[in-house]
Protein backbone atom coordinates (compact mmCIF):
# COMPACT_ATOMS: atom_id res chain seq x y z
CA MET A 1 -17.14 -2.97 2.08
CA GLY A 2 -18.55 -1.20 -0.99
CA GLY A 3 -18.95 -2.54 -4.53
CA SER A 4 -19.73 -0.76 -7.79
CA SER A 5 -20.59 -1.84 -11.34
CA PHE A 6 -19.93 1.20 -13.51
CA ARG A 7 -20.51 1.62 -17.26
CA THR A 8 -19.99 4.73 -19.39
CA GLN A 9 -18.98 5.97 -22.84
CA ASP A 10 -17.99 9.35 -21.44
CA VAL A 11 -14.26 9.81 -20.76
CA ASP A 12 -14.77 12.45 -18.05
CA GLN A 13 -17.16 10.19 -16.16
CA ALA A 14 -14.66 7.32 -16.39
CA ARG A 15 -11.87 9.55 -15.09
CA GLN A 16 -14.04 10.63 -12.16
CA GLU A 17 -14.85 7.01 -11.31
CA ILE A 18 -11.15 6.07 -11.27
CA ASP A 19 -10.54 9.16 -9.12
CA ALA A 20 -13.24 8.08 -6.65
CA ARG A 21 -12.19 4.41 -6.48
CA TYR A 22 -8.42 4.63 -6.96
CA TYR A 23 -6.45 7.83 -7.69
CA ALA A 24 -6.78 11.32 -9.15
CA ASN A 25 -5.88 11.11 -12.83
CA PHE A 26 -5.88 12.53 -16.32
CA MET A 27 -7.31 10.26 -19.04
CA ASP A 28 -6.98 10.67 -22.81
CA VAL A 29 -8.32 8.38 -25.53
CA ILE A 30 -5.47 7.62 -27.94
CA GLU A 31 -7.48 6.09 -30.80
CA ARG A 32 -11.27 6.07 -31.13
CA ARG A 33 -11.70 4.90 -34.73
CA GLU A 34 -10.80 1.24 -34.27
CA ARG A 35 -12.66 0.76 -30.99
CA PRO A 36 -15.25 3.03 -29.34
CA PHE A 37 -14.58 4.09 -25.77
CA ALA A 38 -16.79 2.02 -23.46
CA ALA A 39 -15.55 1.79 -19.87
CA ARG A 40 -16.57 -1.17 -17.71
CA PHE A 41 -15.37 -0.84 -14.11
CA ASP A 42 -16.46 -3.42 -11.53
CA THR A 43 -14.79 -2.54 -8.22
CA VAL A 44 -15.07 -3.53 -4.58
CA ALA A 45 -13.45 -2.03 -1.47
CA LEU A 46 -12.26 -4.66 0.95
CA GLY A 47 -10.66 -3.00 3.99
CA PRO A 48 -7.16 -1.91 2.92
CA LEU A 49 -7.70 -3.14 -0.65
CA VAL A 50 -9.63 -1.98 -3.69
CA ILE A 51 -10.06 -4.76 -6.26
CA GLY A 52 -11.33 -3.99 -9.74
CA ASP A 53 -12.12 -5.73 -13.02
CA LEU A 54 -11.50 -2.88 -15.47
CA SER A 55 -11.57 -2.25 -19.22
CA CYS A 56 -11.95 0.83 -21.44
CA GLY A 57 -12.73 -0.57 -24.90
CA ALA A 58 -10.45 1.96 -26.64
CA ASP A 59 -6.74 2.61 -26.21
CA VAL A 60 -6.19 5.22 -23.49
CA ARG A 61 -3.34 7.05 -21.80
CA MET A 62 -3.50 8.03 -18.13
CA ARG A 63 -1.34 10.19 -15.88
CA PHE A 64 -1.19 10.13 -12.10
CA GLY A 65 0.84 11.76 -9.38
CA GLU A 66 2.36 9.60 -6.64
CA LEU A 67 -0.07 6.79 -5.96
CA GLY A 68 0.53 6.66 -2.20
CA ALA A 69 -0.38 2.96 -2.30
CA PHE A 70 1.00 -0.25 -3.74
CA HIS A 71 -0.80 -1.33 -6.89
CA VAL A 72 -1.01 -4.49 -9.02
CA ASN A 73 -2.20 -4.61 -12.64
CA ALA A 74 -2.75 -8.16 -13.93
CA PRO A 75 -4.36 -8.25 -17.39
CA LEU A 76 -6.52 -11.13 -18.63
CA GLY A 77 -5.53 -10.13 -22.15
CA GLY A 78 -4.09 -7.16 -24.00
CA THR A 79 -1.35 -4.97 -22.54
CA MET A 80 -0.70 -2.04 -20.23
CA GLU A 81 2.56 -0.09 -20.65
CA LEU A 82 3.45 1.78 -17.46
CA ARG A 83 6.23 4.07 -16.33
CA GLN A 84 6.93 5.23 -12.78
CA GLY A 85 9.37 7.92 -11.69
CA GLY A 86 12.63 7.69 -13.63
CA ALA A 87 12.44 3.92 -14.11
CA ALA A 88 12.22 2.23 -17.51
CA PRO A 89 8.73 1.40 -18.81
CA VAL A 90 7.26 -2.01 -17.94
CA VAL A 91 4.50 -3.88 -19.74
CA ALA A 92 1.76 -5.82 -17.98
CA THR A 93 0.45 -8.81 -19.95
CA ALA A 94 -1.63 -11.91 -19.32
CA ALA A 95 1.62 -13.68 -18.41
CA GLU A 96 3.21 -11.01 -16.24
CA ALA A 97 1.56 -8.55 -13.86
CA VAL A 98 3.13 -5.22 -12.93
CA LEU A 99 3.56 -3.97 -9.36
CA LEU A 100 3.68 -0.23 -8.77
CA ASP A 101 5.26 1.60 -5.84
CA PRO A 102 3.57 4.24 -3.65
CA CYS A 103 6.31 6.73 -4.63
CA GLY A 104 7.07 8.28 -8.01
CA ASP A 105 4.77 9.94 -10.55
CA THR A 106 3.02 7.25 -12.57
CA VAL A 107 2.10 7.24 -16.25
CA LEU A 108 0.05 4.58 -18.02
CA GLU A 109 1.46 5.16 -21.49
CA ARG A 110 -0.99 2.85 -23.25
CA TRP A 111 -3.85 0.76 -21.91
CA SER A 112 -4.89 -1.24 -24.95
CA GLY A 113 -8.56 -1.34 -25.83
CA ASP A 114 -8.58 -5.14 -25.73
CA CYS A 115 -7.10 -5.20 -22.21
CA ARG A 116 -9.32 -6.29 -19.35
CA THR A 117 -7.31 -6.14 -16.14
CA LEU A 118 -7.41 -7.08 -12.49
CA SER A 119 -6.47 -3.81 -10.79
CA VAL A 120 -5.67 -3.99 -7.07
CA LYS A 121 -4.84 -1.01 -4.84
CA ILE A 122 -3.17 -1.99 -1.54
CA ASP A 123 -2.89 0.43 1.38
CA ALA A 124 0.83 0.91 2.05
CA ALA A 125 0.53 1.23 5.84
CA ALA A 126 -1.58 -1.94 6.09
CA LEU A 127 0.91 -3.92 4.01
CA HIS A 128 3.85 -2.65 6.08
CA GLU A 129 2.01 -3.60 9.27
CA ARG A 130 1.27 -7.07 7.89
CA LEU A 131 4.94 -7.53 6.98
CA GLU A 132 5.97 -6.42 10.47
CA GLY A 133 3.51 -8.86 12.02
CA LEU A 134 4.80 -11.75 9.92
CA LEU A 135 8.44 -10.93 10.63
CA GLY A 136 7.83 -10.27 14.31
CA ARG A 137 9.83 -7.04 14.13
CA PRO A 138 9.85 -3.75 12.20
CA PRO A 139 11.53 -4.30 8.82
CA ARG A 140 14.84 -2.50 8.44
CA GLY A 141 14.48 -0.51 5.25
CA ARG A 142 11.70 0.33 2.84
CA LEU A 143 9.37 -2.27 1.39
CA ALA A 144 9.87 -2.23 -2.38
CA PHE A 145 8.71 -4.88 -4.84
CA ALA A 146 10.30 -6.02 -8.08
CA PRO A 147 8.09 -4.52 -10.81
CA ARG A 148 7.13 -7.81 -12.47
CA LEU A 149 5.13 -10.77 -11.16
CA ASP A 150 4.85 -14.03 -13.11
CA THR A 151 1.16 -14.95 -13.28
CA THR A 152 1.48 -18.08 -15.43
CA CYS A 153 2.16 -20.45 -12.54
CA GLY A 154 3.05 -20.73 -8.87
CA PRO A 155 2.34 -18.11 -6.19
CA GLY A 156 1.71 -15.30 -8.69
CA LEU A 157 -1.02 -17.20 -10.51
CA SER A 158 -2.49 -18.36 -7.20
CA TRP A 159 -2.65 -14.80 -5.84
CA VAL A 160 -4.35 -13.43 -8.97
CA ARG A 161 -6.92 -16.23 -8.88
CA LEU A 162 -7.61 -15.54 -5.21
CA ALA A 163 -8.03 -11.79 -5.81
CA ARG A 164 -10.41 -12.39 -8.73
CA GLN A 165 -12.48 -14.86 -6.71
CA VAL A 166 -12.69 -12.53 -3.72
CA ALA A 167 -13.82 -9.65 -5.95
CA HIS A 168 -16.41 -11.86 -7.66
CA GLU A 169 -17.84 -13.00 -4.34
CA ALA A 170 -17.79 -9.52 -2.81
CA LEU A 171 -19.76 -8.04 -5.72
CA ALA A 172 -22.58 -10.51 -5.04
CA GLY A 173 -25.11 -8.85 -2.77
CA ASP A 174 -25.75 -11.83 -0.50
CA SER A 175 -22.17 -13.12 -0.37
CA LEU A 176 -20.48 -14.23 2.86
CA ALA A 177 -17.60 -12.01 1.77
CA HIS A 178 -19.62 -9.09 3.17
CA HIS A 179 -19.54 -10.54 6.69
CA ALA A 180 -16.75 -9.29 8.96
CA LEU A 181 -15.93 -12.83 10.12
CA VAL A 182 -15.11 -13.71 6.51
CA ALA A 183 -13.98 -10.34 5.12
CA VAL A 184 -11.13 -9.77 7.61
CA PRO A 185 -9.45 -13.17 7.01
CA LEU A 186 -9.80 -12.62 3.25
CA GLN A 187 -8.05 -9.25 3.52
CA GLU A 188 -5.27 -10.82 5.55
CA ALA A 189 -4.94 -13.69 3.07
CA LEU A 190 -4.54 -11.27 0.17
CA LEU A 191 -1.91 -9.19 2.01
CA ASN A 192 -0.03 -12.32 3.13
CA GLY A 193 -0.30 -13.81 -0.35
CA LEU A 194 1.17 -10.76 -2.08
CA LEU A 195 4.08 -10.73 0.37
CA LEU A 196 4.73 -14.40 -0.44
CA ALA A 197 4.20 -14.12 -4.21
CA ALA A 198 6.10 -10.94 -5.13
CA GLU A 199 9.86 -10.33 -4.96
CA HIS A 200 11.01 -8.08 -2.09
CA PRO A 201 13.89 -8.14 0.44
CA TRP A 202 12.01 -10.25 3.02
CA ARG A 203 10.33 -12.76 0.74
CA ASP A 204 12.74 -15.63 1.41
CA GLU A 205 12.48 -15.10 5.14
CA LEU A 206 8.68 -15.29 4.93
CA ALA A 207 8.64 -18.27 2.58
CA HIS A 208 11.37 -20.21 4.39
CA PRO A 209 11.54 -19.00 8.00
CA GLY A 210 14.82 -20.05 9.54
CA GLU A 211 13.91 -19.15 13.10
CA PRO A 212 11.21 -20.45 15.41
CA LEU A 213 8.17 -18.27 15.97
CA ARG A 214 8.56 -15.51 18.54
CA PRO A 215 7.73 -16.72 22.06
CA ALA A 216 4.29 -15.83 23.35
CA PRO A 217 5.55 -13.20 25.86
CA VAL A 218 7.41 -11.34 23.09
CA LYS A 219 4.38 -11.51 20.82
CA ARG A 220 2.09 -10.19 23.59
CA ALA A 221 4.38 -7.22 24.16
CA MET A 222 4.73 -6.48 20.45
CA ASP A 223 0.98 -6.69 19.90
CA ALA A 224 0.41 -4.24 22.75
CA VAL A 225 2.87 -1.76 21.25
CA ARG A 226 1.43 -2.01 17.74
CA ALA A 227 -2.09 -1.52 19.12
CA ARG A 228 -1.18 1.65 21.10
CA PRO A 229 2.24 2.97 20.06
CA GLU A 230 1.44 6.44 21.43
CA HIS A 231 1.01 5.05 24.97
CA PRO A 232 3.87 5.93 27.41
CA PHE A 233 5.06 2.34 27.80
CA THR A 234 7.83 1.39 30.20
CA THR A 235 9.79 -1.85 30.17
CA THR A 236 8.14 -2.79 33.46
CA GLU A 237 4.65 -2.26 32.03
CA LEU A 238 5.50 -4.28 28.92
CA ALA A 239 6.87 -7.09 31.07
CA GLY A 240 3.59 -7.10 32.99
CA LEU A 241 1.60 -7.29 29.75
CA ALA A 242 3.88 -10.08 28.53
CA ARG A 243 3.48 -11.87 31.88
CA VAL A 244 7.23 -12.31 32.42
CA GLY A 245 9.93 -10.51 34.40
CA VAL A 246 11.72 -7.44 33.07
CA ARG A 247 15.04 -9.24 32.59
CA ARG A 248 13.39 -12.14 30.77
CA LEU A 249 11.56 -9.74 28.43
CA GLN A 250 14.73 -7.80 27.67
CA GLU A 251 16.69 -10.97 26.92
CA SER A 252 13.90 -12.37 24.75
CA PHE A 253 13.62 -9.14 22.75
CA ARG A 254 17.37 -9.07 22.15
CA GLU A 255 17.30 -12.70 20.98
CA TYR A 256 14.15 -12.71 18.86
CA VAL A 257 13.67 -9.08 17.79
CA GLY A 258 17.24 -7.82 17.73
CA MET A 259 16.61 -4.79 19.92
CA SER A 260 15.38 -3.81 23.38
CA PRO A 261 11.65 -3.47 24.13
CA MET A 262 11.87 0.33 24.28
CA ALA A 263 13.84 0.47 21.02
CA TYR A 264 10.99 -1.49 19.46
CA VAL A 265 8.47 1.03 20.83
CA ARG A 266 10.51 3.83 19.26
CA GLN A 267 10.69 2.05 15.88
CA VAL A 268 6.93 1.55 15.75
CA ARG A 269 6.28 5.18 16.74
CA LEU A 270 8.66 6.47 14.04
CA GLU A 271 6.85 4.40 11.43
CA ARG A 272 3.51 5.88 12.51
CA VAL A 273 4.89 9.44 12.37
CA HIS A 274 6.33 8.79 8.91
CA GLU A 275 3.01 7.44 7.62
CA GLU A 276 1.06 10.41 8.99
CA LEU A 277 3.46 13.02 7.62
CA ARG A 278 3.47 11.39 4.17
CA GLY A 279 -0.31 11.36 4.03
CA ALA A 280 -0.85 14.94 5.22
CA GLU A 281 -2.67 17.57 3.18
CA PRO A 282 -1.18 21.09 2.84
CA GLY A 283 -1.48 23.04 6.11
CA GLU A 284 -3.24 20.16 7.85
CA LEU A 285 -0.71 19.58 10.64
CA SER A 286 2.77 20.34 11.93
CA VAL A 287 5.72 18.09 12.70
CA SER A 288 5.65 18.96 16.39
CA GLU A 289 1.99 18.01 16.88
CA VAL A 290 2.46 14.69 15.08
CA ALA A 291 5.60 13.91 17.09
CA TRP A 292 3.82 14.76 20.34
CA ARG A 293 0.80 12.65 19.41
CA TRP A 294 3.02 9.59 18.91
CA GLY A 295 4.89 10.01 22.17
CA PHE A 296 8.02 12.01 21.21
CA ALA A 297 8.44 14.76 23.79
CA HIS A 298 12.03 15.78 22.96
CA HIS A 299 11.92 17.35 19.49
CA GLY A 300 15.68 17.41 18.82
CA ARG A 301 16.19 13.78 19.77
CA PHE A 302 13.11 12.79 17.76
CA ALA A 303 14.36 14.63 14.65
CA ALA A 304 17.74 12.89 14.85
CA GLN A 305 16.16 9.46 15.26
CA TYR A 306 13.77 10.16 12.38
CA ARG A 307 16.58 11.21 10.05
CA THR A 308 18.60 8.12 10.92
CA ARG A 309 15.60 5.88 10.21
CA PHE A 310 14.27 7.49 7.00
CA GLY A 311 17.20 9.44 5.55
CA GLU A 312 15.42 12.81 5.70
CA THR A 313 14.10 15.21 8.31
CA PRO A 314 10.42 15.14 9.38
CA SER A 315 9.96 18.58 7.82
CA GLN A 316 11.27 17.33 4.48
CA THR A 317 8.75 14.47 4.54
CA LEU A 318 5.91 16.88 5.34
CA ARG A 319 6.96 19.40 2.69
CA GLY A 320 7.25 16.65 0.09
CA SER A 321 3.76 15.39 0.89
CA ALA A 322 2.23 18.87 0.82
CA ALA A 323 4.01 19.83 -2.41
CA GLY A 324 2.89 16.68 -4.18
CA SER A 325 -0.70 17.10 -3.02
CA ALA A 326 -0.87 20.77 -3.98
CA ALA A 327 0.79 20.27 -7.34
CA PHE A 328 -1.45 17.42 -8.40
CA ARG A 329 -4.72 17.42 -6.51
CA GLY A 330 -5.03 21.20 -6.29
CA GLN A 331 -5.52 21.59 -10.03
CA SER A 332 -8.21 20.52 -12.40
CA PRO A 333 -7.02 18.64 -15.51
CA ARG A 334 -7.47 21.77 -17.65
CA SER A 335 -5.65 24.12 -15.27
CA ALA A 336 -2.82 21.63 -14.83
CA ASP A 337 -2.47 21.32 -18.60
CA ARG A 338 -2.37 25.11 -18.94
CA SER A 339 0.34 25.33 -16.26
CA ARG A 340 2.61 23.14 -18.33
CA THR A 341 2.28 25.28 -21.50
C-alpha cells in the first residue's frame, strides 16, 4: 500500500501525478482568471484499488485513452462532465456519481474548479474475479455498469462513505489499514460493495440470491481452478481435491454451476488469456505463447472457443490492445497534438 499527498500549481506536474497514480492523460486549464490552478491530490493504493481525494482549483479539461480499469468519480461538490466512447456525456455531482468502463476513449470535458471528488480506480480483472467468486461461476457476458450511481442514500451513499473512510485511514502513517490482516478484507469489502451498489446484470442475483450457496466440494474444486487455471487438471484430480467421487462432482457442477468441471476450467482459462492479451504492450507477446501458458495446446480449437466466448479472435484482441497502447502511450502530449493537426 502506498499513499501520497501531492500539491502543485504547475499543470504539467499535476498531469504527471495523475499519470503515475491513475492513467496517462492530457490536461488543459480552461479558465485561470476566476480561480488559480492549485492541484491537491491525496491518493492511496490499496491492492486492486487506487482511492483519491482530488481537486484542481481551476476548471480543467482532461483527455485519456481507454482506461483499462473501472473508475468511479463521486464529487463532494461541484461537477465533472465526462464522455466515454460514443456515449452521451454524463455529469457527476454530489448527488450522483459516475462509473466509467475500462473500454472506450475517455474525455473529462469540464472538471469544475470548485469540485473536490472521490476518485476510485478499480482493477478490472480483480473485480471480475470477485464477481465470479460471489456468483460461484464465471459470469456469462461482460461486466458493464450503468453510468450513474445515486450517492444520496442507500448502498451508493454507504459505498462512498466506506471508500472515503478507508482512504482517510490508509493515509495515516500508523493506521491498521496498512496491515495485511486489515487491508485485504477492506479491499474485498470495497469490491463487494461496488458490485452490490451499482447497476449491472448480476446485481439482483447478488443482492437477493435465489439459490443456496455452492456445496463445499464444488467450492473446493472451483477455488483450486481459479488459483491455478494453467494446471493440467483432470476431472479425477478435481474430484480428489473436492474430496468426492467423479460422478458426484460432475452432477454437482451441472446442478450448481451449469457446466461440467472441465468446461469450468476452460472458461477460467479463456478469461485469463483475454485479460493478458488486453493488457499486452506492443510486441510483448504472441497469441500462441499466451494460449500455451494457460493450458491450450490445440491452437485451432482454442481460437474457436475464444471467438465464441468474446466475439473476436485472440489476434484481434491483441492487435486492439497494441494499437491503443501505441497510439496513446507512445506519444508525448505535444507530439500527439501535432499528429492531429
